[in-house]
Amino acid sequence: MRIRIDHHTCIGSGQCALTAPEVFTQDDDGYSALLPDAAETATRRQATQAALSCPVQAITVTDG
């Protein structure tokens, strides 16, 4: 699974970190960031729920 954050689209709402705190955090500027090894340890459900919670659809989850 590959989790991608479009940092040009992210507005820093924090919904991803609230929805999947095991996968996402916020950087020093308040924007979305993946936790280390999150793509390997996260479940597809966690990543997908976080992507769906993003109000600007800045997160994509794909295979591979």
Protein backbone atom coordinates (compact mmCIF):
# COMPACT_ATOMS: atom_id res chain seq x y z
CA MET A 1 0.00 0.00 0.00
CA ARG A 2 1.17 3.51 -0.78
CA ILE A 3 -0.11 6.54 1.12
CA ARG A 4 0.44 9.92 -0.52
CA ILE A 5 -0.21 13.38 0.89
CA ASP A 6 -0.51 16.27 -1.56
CA HIS A 7 1.20 18.98 0.46
CA HIS A 8 0.05 21.66 -1.98
CA THR A 9 -3.57 20.75 -1.27
CA CYS A 10 -3.37 20.03 2.48
CA ILE A 11 -4.88 22.80 4.62
CA GLY A 12 -3.83 21.35 7.98
CA SER A 13 -7.31 20.54 9.29
CA GLY A 14 -5.87 17.58 11.23
CA GLN A 15 -8.74 15.23 10.44
CA CYS A 16 -6.32 12.55 9.25
CA ALA A 17 -4.39 12.62 12.53
CA LEU A 18 -7.64 12.51 14.51
CA THR A 19 -9.01 9.63 12.43
CA ALA A 20 -5.82 7.54 12.22
CA PRO A 21 -3.30 8.70 14.85
CA GLU A 22 -1.29 5.51 14.27
CA VAL A 23 -0.63 6.63 10.70
CA PHE A 24 -0.69 10.44 10.55
CA THR A 25 0.62 13.35 12.54
CA GLN A 26 1.00 17.04 11.88
CA ASP A 27 4.33 18.69 11.15
CA ASP A 28 5.64 21.83 12.86
CA ASP A 29 3.59 23.98 10.49
CA GLY A 30 0.39 22.03 11.21
CA TYR A 31 0.22 20.12 7.94
CA SER A 32 -0.32 16.40 7.52
CA ALA A 33 2.66 14.07 7.76
CA LEU A 34 3.04 10.30 7.80
CA LEU A 35 4.53 8.69 10.86
CA PRO A 36 7.70 6.68 10.19
CA ASP A 37 6.92 3.27 8.66
CA ALA A 38 3.21 4.10 8.55
CA ALA A 39 2.74 2.73 5.03
CA GLU A 40 4.11 -0.63 6.17
CA THR A 41 2.29 -0.85 9.51
CA ALA A 42 -1.05 0.82 8.78
CA THR A 43 -4.09 -1.12 7.74
CA ARG A 44 -5.82 -0.19 4.52
CA ARG A 45 -8.92 0.65 6.55
CA GLN A 46 -7.02 3.16 8.73
CA ALA A 47 -5.47 4.87 5.73
CA THR A 48 -8.72 4.89 3.74
CA GLN A 49 -10.74 6.30 6.64
CA ALA A 50 -8.20 9.09 7.07
CA ALA A 51 -8.28 9.84 3.34
CA LEU A 52 -12.06 10.02 3.42
CA SER A 53 -11.97 12.35 6.42
CA CYS A 54 -9.78 14.88 4.61
CA PRO A 55 -11.95 17.89 3.69
CA VAL A 56 -9.78 18.74 0.66
CA GLN A 57 -8.99 15.18 -0.48
CA ALA A 58 -5.24 15.65 -0.06
CA ILE A 59 -4.62 11.98 0.81
CA THR A 60 -4.59 9.10 -1.65
CA VAL A 61 -4.19 5.42 -0.87
CA THR A 62 -3.08 3.07 -3.65
CA ASP A 63 -1.63 -0.40 -4.06
CA GLY A 64 2.07 -0.79 -4.38
